[in-house]
Amino acid sequence: MKRSIFKKTAFDLIRDSVASIIFTFAVIAMIVVGLWKTEAASRAEGLRLLEESLMRAVVQNYAIKGIYPDSLRYIEERYGIYIDRTRYVVHYKIFASNILPHITVLELNREWLK
């Protein structure tokens, strides 16, 4: 007797269910990986923008006054740069008023705080 194309065996149903579950988990995994990469890129961009903003303010101050700012606090107050100290650590080291200061911006790892 011929088997109808509309009737499925238990094996066919299980195979189709497993395939759907695997496909669903694969899609979810791709979404999670995509979000993780986007978040990592966003953090890196924030770090880069803060460092670039600080350097721009330092150079602008030198162009206007002829000296580099003596402190990070001065840059924050005069140029309106906000440093989120819960996310970033900024190291501002100045050697002399006519030598470009060394600016390092690091992301604060929240795991270190625990």
C-alpha atoms as a PDB file:
ATOM      1  CA  MET A   1       0.000   0.000   0.000  1.00  0.00           C
ATOM      2  CA  LYS A   2       1.226   3.466  -0.834  1.00  0.00           C
ATOM      3  CA  ARG A   3       2.096   5.898   1.889  1.00  0.00           C
ATOM      4  CA  SER A   4       0.296   9.244   1.738  1.00  0.00           C
ATOM      5  CA  ILE A   5       2.401  12.373   1.529  1.00  0.00           C
ATOM      6  CA  PHE A   6       0.154  14.080   4.082  1.00  0.00           C
ATOM      7  CA  LYS A   7       0.715  11.545   6.846  1.00  0.00           C
ATOM      8  CA  LYS A   8       3.890  11.839   8.824  1.00  0.00           C
ATOM      9  CA  THR A   9       5.424   9.218  10.979  1.00  0.00           C
ATOM     10  CA  ALA A  10       6.600   9.861  14.534  1.00  0.00           C
ATOM     11  CA  PHE A  11      10.191   9.915  13.301  1.00  0.00           C
ATOM     12  CA  ASP A  12       9.352  12.651  10.766  1.00  0.00           C
ATOM     13  CA  LEU A  13       7.687  14.765  13.457  1.00  0.00           C
ATOM     14  CA  ILE A  14      10.642  14.394  15.839  1.00  0.00           C
ATOM     15  CA  ARG A  15      13.135  15.187  13.076  1.00  0.00           C
ATOM     16  CA  ASP A  16      11.218  18.323  12.096  1.00  0.00           C
ATOM     17  CA  SER A  17      10.926  19.440  15.742  1.00  0.00           C
ATOM     18  CA  VAL A  18      14.637  18.955  16.399  1.00  0.00           C
ATOM     19  CA  ALA A  19      15.514  20.827  13.222  1.00  0.00           C
ATOM     20  CA  SER A  20      13.286  23.740  14.292  1.00  0.00           C
ATOM     21  CA  ILE A  21      14.822  23.834  17.769  1.00  0.00           C
ATOM     22  CA  ILE A  22      18.376  23.792  16.376  1.00  0.00           C
ATOM     23  CA  PHE A  23      17.512  26.553  13.921  1.00  0.00           C
ATOM     24  CA  THR A  24      15.955  28.659  16.696  1.00  0.00           C
ATOM     25  CA  PHE A  25      19.004  28.273  18.946  1.00  0.00           C
ATOM     26  CA  ALA A  26      21.308  29.131  16.037  1.00  0.00           C
ATOM     27  CA  VAL A  27      19.379  32.351  15.372  1.00  0.00           C
ATOM     28  CA  ILE A  28      19.424  33.269  19.075  1.00  0.00           C
ATOM     29  CA  ALA A  29      23.167  32.573  19.245  1.00  0.00           C
ATOM     30  CA  MET A  30      23.808  34.832  16.235  1.00  0.00           C
ATOM     31  CA  ILE A  31      21.767  37.630  17.819  1.00  0.00           C
ATOM     32  CA  VAL A  32      23.643  37.326  21.134  1.00  0.00           C
ATOM     33  CA  VAL A  33      27.038  37.351  19.404  1.00  0.00           C
ATOM     34  CA  GLY A  34      25.993  40.358  17.331  1.00  0.00           C
ATOM     35  CA  LEU A  35      24.886  42.281  20.417  1.00  0.00           C
ATOM     36  CA  TRP A  36      28.106  41.373  22.224  1.00  0.00           C
ATOM     37  CA  LYS A  37      30.241  42.641  19.330  1.00  0.00           C
ATOM     38  CA  THR A  38      28.186  45.819  19.048  1.00  0.00           C
ATOM     39  CA  GLU A  39      28.577  46.519  22.763  1.00  0.00           C
ATOM     40  CA  ALA A  40      32.341  45.921  22.576  1.00  0.00           C
ATOM     41  CA  ALA A  41      32.641  48.263  19.592  1.00  0.00           C
ATOM     42  CA  SER A  42      30.602  50.904  21.416  1.00  0.00           C
ATOM     43  CA  ARG A  43      32.877  50.745  24.466  1.00  0.00           C
ATOM     44  CA  ALA A  44      35.982  51.050  22.286  1.00  0.00           C
ATOM     45  CA  GLU A  45      34.480  54.028  20.460  1.00  0.00           C
ATOM     46  CA  GLY A  46      33.645  55.783  23.748  1.00  0.00           C
ATOM     47  CA  LEU A  47      37.213  55.293  24.913  1.00  0.00           C
ATOM     48  CA  ARG A  48      38.608  56.663  21.661  1.00  0.00           C
ATOM     49  CA  LEU A  49      36.266  59.681  21.683  1.00  0.00           C
ATOM     50  CA  LEU A  50      37.192  60.634  25.237  1.00  0.00           C
ATOM     51  CA  GLU A  51      40.915  60.441  24.504  1.00  0.00           C
ATOM     52  CA  GLU A  52      40.472  62.415  21.292  1.00  0.00           C
ATOM     53  CA  SER A  53      38.396  65.092  23.056  1.00  0.00           C
ATOM     54  CA  LEU A  54      40.985  65.505  25.784  1.00  0.00           C
ATOM     55  CA  MET A  55      43.804  65.806  23.260  1.00  0.00           C
ATOM     56  CA  ARG A  56      41.838  68.340  21.214  1.00  0.00           C
ATOM     57  CA  ALA A  57      41.212  70.467  24.325  1.00  0.00           C
ATOM     58  CA  VAL A  58      44.894  70.316  25.311  1.00  0.00           C
ATOM     59  CA  VAL A  59      46.066  71.386  21.861  1.00  0.00           C
ATOM     60  CA  GLN A  60      43.426  74.121  21.699  1.00  0.00           C
ATOM     61  CA  ASN A  61      44.565  75.467  25.056  1.00  0.00           C
ATOM     62  CA  TYR A  62      48.161  75.522  23.800  1.00  0.00           C
ATOM     63  CA  ALA A  63      47.102  77.354  20.635  1.00  0.00           C
ATOM     64  CA  ILE A  64      45.238  80.011  22.628  1.00  0.00           C
ATOM     65  CA  LYS A  65      47.472  80.501  25.687  1.00  0.00           C
ATOM     66  CA  GLY A  66      50.842  79.141  24.599  1.00  0.00           C
ATOM     67  CA  ILE A  67      51.007  76.561  27.412  1.00  0.00           C
ATOM     68  CA  TYR A  68      49.512  73.164  27.978  1.00  0.00           C
ATOM     69  CA  PRO A  69      46.982  72.810  30.824  1.00  0.00           C
ATOM     70  CA  ASP A  70      48.587  71.876  34.124  1.00  0.00           C
ATOM     71  CA  SER A  71      45.800  69.567  35.284  1.00  0.00           C
ATOM     72  CA  LEU A  72      42.963  67.422  34.105  1.00  0.00           C
ATOM     73  CA  ARG A  73      40.558  69.357  36.335  1.00  0.00           C
ATOM     74  CA  TYR A  74      41.402  72.530  34.375  1.00  0.00           C
ATOM     75  CA  ILE A  75      40.452  70.830  31.111  1.00  0.00           C
ATOM     76  CA  GLU A  76      37.170  69.584  32.566  1.00  0.00           C
ATOM     77  CA  GLU A  77      36.212  73.002  33.920  1.00  0.00           C
ATOM     78  CA  ARG A  78      37.291  75.169  30.974  1.00  0.00           C
ATOM     79  CA  TYR A  79      36.403  72.938  28.041  1.00  0.00           C
ATOM     80  CA  GLY A  80      33.315  71.172  29.359  1.00  0.00           C
ATOM     81  CA  ILE A  81      34.637  67.667  28.921  1.00  0.00           C
ATOM     82  CA  TYR A  82      32.840  65.182  31.126  1.00  0.00           C
ATOM     83  CA  ILE A  83      34.780  62.145  32.290  1.00  0.00           C
ATOM     84  CA  ASP A  84      32.604  59.318  33.545  1.00  0.00           C
ATOM     85  CA  ARG A  85      34.812  58.138  36.380  1.00  0.00           C
ATOM     86  CA  THR A  86      32.680  55.048  36.882  1.00  0.00           C
ATOM     87  CA  ARG A  87      33.715  53.860  33.400  1.00  0.00           C
ATOM     88  CA  TYR A  88      37.114  55.424  32.692  1.00  0.00           C
ATOM     89  CA  VAL A  89      40.407  56.156  34.376  1.00  0.00           C
ATOM     90  CA  VAL A  90      42.375  59.050  32.880  1.00  0.00           C
ATOM     91  CA  HIS A  91      46.091  59.463  33.459  1.00  0.00           C
ATOM     92  CA  TYR A  92      47.271  62.989  32.635  1.00  0.00           C
ATOM     93  CA  LYS A  93      51.001  63.495  32.973  1.00  0.00           C
ATOM     94  CA  ILE A  94      52.600  66.799  32.142  1.00  0.00           C
ATOM     95  CA  PHE A  95      56.352  67.253  32.049  1.00  0.00           C
ATOM     96  CA  ALA A  96      56.599  70.936  31.186  1.00  0.00           C
ATOM     97  CA  SER A  97      54.191  73.653  30.078  1.00  0.00           C
ATOM     98  CA  ASN A  98      55.610  73.647  26.541  1.00  0.00           C
ATOM     99  CA  ILE A  99      55.730  69.849  26.018  1.00  0.00           C
ATOM    100  CA  LEU A 100      52.647  67.919  24.975  1.00  0.00           C
ATOM    101  CA  PRO A 101      51.307  66.004  27.991  1.00  0.00           C
ATOM    102  CA  HIS A 102      50.881  62.262  27.947  1.00  0.00           C
ATOM    103  CA  ILE A 103      47.196  61.320  28.130  1.00  0.00           C
ATOM    104  CA  THR A 104      46.107  57.745  28.739  1.00  0.00           C
ATOM    105  CA  VAL A 105      42.462  56.721  28.966  1.00  0.00           C
ATOM    106  CA  LEU A 106      41.667  53.255  30.272  1.00  0.00           C
ATOM    107  CA  GLU A 107      38.355  51.555  30.705  1.00  0.00           C
ATOM    108  CA  LEU A 108      37.603  50.775  34.309  1.00  0.00           C
ATOM    109  CA  ASN A 109      36.953  47.072  34.652  1.00  0.00           C
ATOM    110  CA  ARG A 110      34.058  46.572  37.041  1.00  0.00           C
ATOM    111  CA  GLU A 111      35.396  43.148  37.995  1.00  0.00           C
ATOM    112  CA  TRP A 112      38.347  44.838  39.687  1.00  0.00           C
ATOM    113  CA  LEU A 113      36.031  46.715  42.004  1.00  0.00           C
ATOM    114  CA  LYS A 114      34.509  43.593  43.501  1.00  0.00           C
END
